[in-house]
């Protein structure tokens, strides 16, 4: 007798619910408030289930960081794909994608702040931070190269563009009334135009 294919989805869904619950708890309570008990209560499961899917809370939080990074990467990939084939339009879409949903989100910022605080004291989280940052920087560097930035300069230009984006993204999430996503995008487009000449 063969088993229905849908049986595998249930454990995957439970595992995913723990990841999403961890993200919500980190956003609401910060790293200090993220415990097995609070995350499992948020997910509506027993604490034993967390230990079934993860090697403890540190592993769950690291997986949550990876999941959040993948969500950001997917949103930016979609923005680039929607921009068409022209390199400058693709670069602009990648940069300005951070100024709208799902990336420009105060809850996502709160979750990132929790991740960053853990990266200073937890080697696994520090490694995850380096990976998430590299996953953002790599495509940006490639897009800059497509736009004519010399390969030797593209890495540091990508770092500089990232700093600009991060600063505006922080302000959009912390104080949305200071400037609009459209103003942030216009500033980024102007900065890219100057960078590319």
Protein backbone atom coordinates (compact mmCIF):
# COMPACT_ATOMS: atom_id res chain seq x y z
CA UNK A 1 0.00 0.00 0.00
CA UNK A 2 1.44 3.41 -0.94
CA UNK A 3 1.22 6.35 1.42
CA UNK A 4 -0.34 9.62 0.26
CA UNK A 5 2.20 12.29 -0.71
CA UNK A 6 0.59 14.88 1.59
CA UNK A 7 1.80 13.14 4.76
CA UNK A 8 5.26 14.71 4.46
CA UNK A 9 3.88 18.24 4.34
CA UNK A 10 2.50 18.13 7.88
CA UNK A 11 5.90 17.81 9.64
CA UNK A 12 7.33 20.44 7.28
CA UNK A 13 4.42 22.74 8.12
CA UNK A 14 4.96 22.23 11.86
CA UNK A 15 8.67 22.94 11.50
CA UNK A 16 7.88 26.07 9.48
CA UNK A 17 5.35 27.20 12.06
CA UNK A 18 8.11 27.11 14.69
CA UNK A 19 10.38 29.23 12.46
CA UNK A 20 7.64 31.80 11.86
CA UNK A 21 6.73 31.82 15.57
CA UNK A 22 10.39 32.43 16.43
CA UNK A 23 10.44 35.40 14.05
CA UNK A 24 7.32 36.87 15.68
CA UNK A 25 8.69 36.38 19.19
CA UNK A 26 12.02 37.96 18.23
CA UNK A 27 10.15 40.93 16.74
CA UNK A 28 7.88 41.32 19.78
CA UNK A 29 10.23 40.48 22.64
CA UNK A 30 13.77 40.67 21.27
CA UNK A 31 16.49 38.10 21.77
CA UNK A 32 16.16 38.18 25.57
CA UNK A 33 12.48 37.21 25.36
CA UNK A 34 12.96 34.34 22.93
CA UNK A 35 12.75 31.13 24.95
CA UNK A 36 11.60 27.63 24.10
CA UNK A 37 8.46 28.26 26.13
CA UNK A 38 7.52 31.59 24.47
CA UNK A 39 8.23 30.37 20.94
CA UNK A 40 6.28 27.14 21.43
CA UNK A 41 3.38 29.04 22.99
CA UNK A 42 3.37 31.39 19.99
CA UNK A 43 3.36 28.39 17.63
CA UNK A 44 0.70 26.60 19.68
CA UNK A 45 2.84 23.49 20.19
CA UNK A 46 4.49 21.70 23.11
CA UNK A 47 8.14 22.47 23.92
CA UNK A 48 9.06 18.90 23.01
CA UNK A 49 8.16 19.58 19.40
CA UNK A 50 10.86 22.24 19.13
CA UNK A 51 13.45 19.72 20.28
CA UNK A 52 12.07 17.22 17.77
CA UNK A 53 12.78 19.53 14.82
CA UNK A 54 15.80 21.51 16.05
CA UNK A 55 18.90 20.89 18.18
CA UNK A 56 17.74 23.53 20.63
CA UNK A 57 16.70 27.14 20.52
CA UNK A 58 19.99 28.39 19.04
CA UNK A 59 19.51 26.13 16.03
CA UNK A 60 15.92 27.33 15.64
CA UNK A 61 16.95 30.98 15.78
CA UNK A 62 19.77 30.42 13.28
CA UNK A 63 17.29 28.71 10.96
CA UNK A 64 14.90 31.62 11.47
CA UNK A 65 17.66 34.03 10.45
CA UNK A 66 18.29 31.98 7.30
CA UNK A 67 14.54 31.93 6.54
CA UNK A 68 14.24 35.70 6.98
CA UNK A 69 17.27 36.20 4.73
CA UNK A 70 15.73 33.96 2.08
CA UNK A 71 12.48 35.96 2.21
CA UNK A 72 14.43 39.15 1.57
CA UNK A 73 16.43 37.51 -1.23
CA UNK A 74 13.26 36.23 -2.93
CA UNK A 75 11.62 39.65 -2.77
CA UNK A 76 14.68 41.27 -4.32
CA UNK A 77 14.98 38.56 -6.99
CA UNK A 78 11.35 39.17 -7.94
CA UNK A 79 11.94 42.92 -8.14
CA UNK A 80 14.93 42.36 -10.44
CA UNK A 81 13.01 39.90 -12.61
CA UNK A 82 10.15 42.40 -12.97
CA UNK A 83 12.59 45.13 -14.02
CA UNK A 84 13.43 43.47 -17.34
CA UNK A 85 16.79 42.91 -19.01
CA UNK A 86 18.35 46.40 -18.83
CA UNK A 87 21.24 46.28 -16.28
CA UNK A 88 20.66 49.70 -14.71
CA UNK A 89 16.95 49.01 -14.25
CA UNK A 90 17.79 45.67 -12.64
CA UNK A 91 20.29 47.30 -10.28
CA UNK A 92 17.81 50.00 -9.35
CA UNK A 93 15.10 47.42 -8.70
CA UNK A 94 17.44 45.46 -6.42
CA UNK A 95 18.39 48.54 -4.43
CA UNK A 96 14.94 50.10 -4.15
CA UNK A 97 13.23 46.78 -3.37
CA UNK A 98 14.25 47.27 0.26
CA UNK A 99 12.00 50.32 0.55
CA UNK A 100 8.69 48.48 0.14
CA UNK A 101 6.95 45.43 1.52
CA UNK A 102 7.80 42.83 2.52
CA UNK A 103 11.25 44.23 3.34
CA UNK A 104 10.31 47.70 4.65
CA UNK A 105 8.49 46.29 7.65
CA UNK A 106 8.98 47.37 11.30
CA UNK A 107 8.49 43.77 12.46
CA UNK A 108 11.22 42.55 10.12
CA UNK A 109 13.52 45.29 11.44
CA UNK A 110 12.81 44.22 15.02
CA UNK A 111 13.63 40.63 14.09
CA UNK A 112 16.89 41.68 12.39
CA UNK A 113 17.90 43.69 15.46
CA UNK A 114 17.48 40.54 17.56
CA UNK A 115 19.58 38.58 15.07
CA UNK A 116 22.31 41.23 15.04
CA UNK A 117 22.45 41.32 18.84
CA UNK A 118 22.94 37.55 18.92
CA UNK A 119 25.63 37.65 16.22
CA UNK A 120 27.96 39.47 18.61
CA UNK A 121 27.93 36.70 21.21
CA UNK A 122 26.97 33.50 19.38
CA UNK A 123 29.44 32.03 16.85
CA UNK A 124 26.69 30.18 14.96
CA UNK A 125 24.68 33.38 14.63
CA UNK A 126 27.80 35.29 13.58
CA UNK A 127 28.37 32.72 10.83
CA UNK A 128 24.72 32.99 9.77
CA UNK A 129 25.02 36.79 9.70
CA UNK A 130 28.06 36.57 7.44
CA UNK A 131 26.16 34.21 5.13
CA UNK A 132 23.03 36.37 4.95
CA UNK A 133 25.15 39.48 4.29
CA UNK A 134 27.12 37.67 1.56
CA UNK A 135 23.86 36.49 0.00
CA UNK A 136 22.74 40.13 -0.25
CA UNK A 137 26.09 41.54 -1.33
CA UNK A 138 26.88 38.95 -4.04
CA UNK A 139 23.95 39.74 -6.35
CA UNK A 140 24.45 43.47 -5.80
CA UNK A 141 28.12 43.19 -6.77
CA UNK A 142 27.15 41.21 -9.89
CA UNK A 143 24.55 43.83 -10.87
CA UNK A 144 27.10 46.62 -10.44
CA UNK A 145 29.52 44.71 -12.67
CA UNK A 146 26.78 44.30 -15.30
CA UNK A 147 26.39 48.09 -15.19
CA UNK A 148 30.07 48.61 -15.98
CA UNK A 149 31.65 48.98 -12.54
CA UNK A 150 35.10 47.35 -12.79
CA UNK A 151 35.27 43.98 -11.05
CA UNK A 152 38.02 45.21 -8.72
CA UNK A 153 35.84 48.09 -7.49
CA UNK A 154 32.45 46.37 -7.50
CA UNK A 155 32.81 44.75 -4.07
CA UNK A 156 33.42 47.97 -2.16
CA UNK A 157 30.84 49.82 -4.23
CA UNK A 158 28.36 47.10 -3.24
CA UNK A 159 29.31 47.62 0.41
CA UNK A 160 28.74 51.38 0.03
CA UNK A 161 25.37 50.91 -1.68
CA UNK A 162 24.39 48.46 1.06
CA UNK A 163 25.25 51.04 3.72
CA UNK A 164 23.04 53.60 1.99
CA UNK A 165 20.17 51.14 1.65
CA UNK A 166 20.51 49.92 5.24
CA UNK A 167 20.45 53.46 6.61
CA UNK A 168 17.33 54.45 4.69
CA UNK A 169 15.66 51.10 5.42
CA UNK A 170 16.27 51.59 9.15
CA UNK A 171 14.69 55.04 9.10
CA UNK A 172 11.73 53.88 7.00
CA UNK A 173 11.01 51.14 9.54
CA UNK A 174 11.75 53.17 12.69
CA UNK A 175 10.17 56.47 11.70
CA UNK A 176 8.01 56.02 8.60
CA UNK A 177 6.90 59.67 8.50
CA UNK A 178 10.40 61.14 8.11
CA UNK A 179 10.50 60.33 4.39
CA UNK A 180 8.52 58.13 2.03
CA UNK A 181 9.54 54.96 0.24
CA UNK A 182 9.31 56.95 -2.98
CA UNK A 183 11.76 59.54 -1.64
CA UNK A 184 14.12 56.79 -0.52
CA UNK A 185 13.92 55.21 -3.97
CA UNK A 186 14.54 58.55 -5.69
CA UNK A 187 17.59 59.16 -3.51
CA UNK A 188 18.93 55.69 -4.26
CA UNK A 189 18.35 56.15 -8.01
CA UNK A 190 20.21 59.48 -7.88
CA UNK A 191 23.07 57.90 -5.97
CA UNK A 192 23.28 55.02 -8.47
CA UNK A 193 23.28 57.48 -11.38
CA UNK A 194 26.21 59.35 -9.83
CA UNK A 195 28.04 56.13 -9.09
CA UNK A 196 27.64 54.85 -12.65
CA UNK A 197 28.31 58.24 -14.26
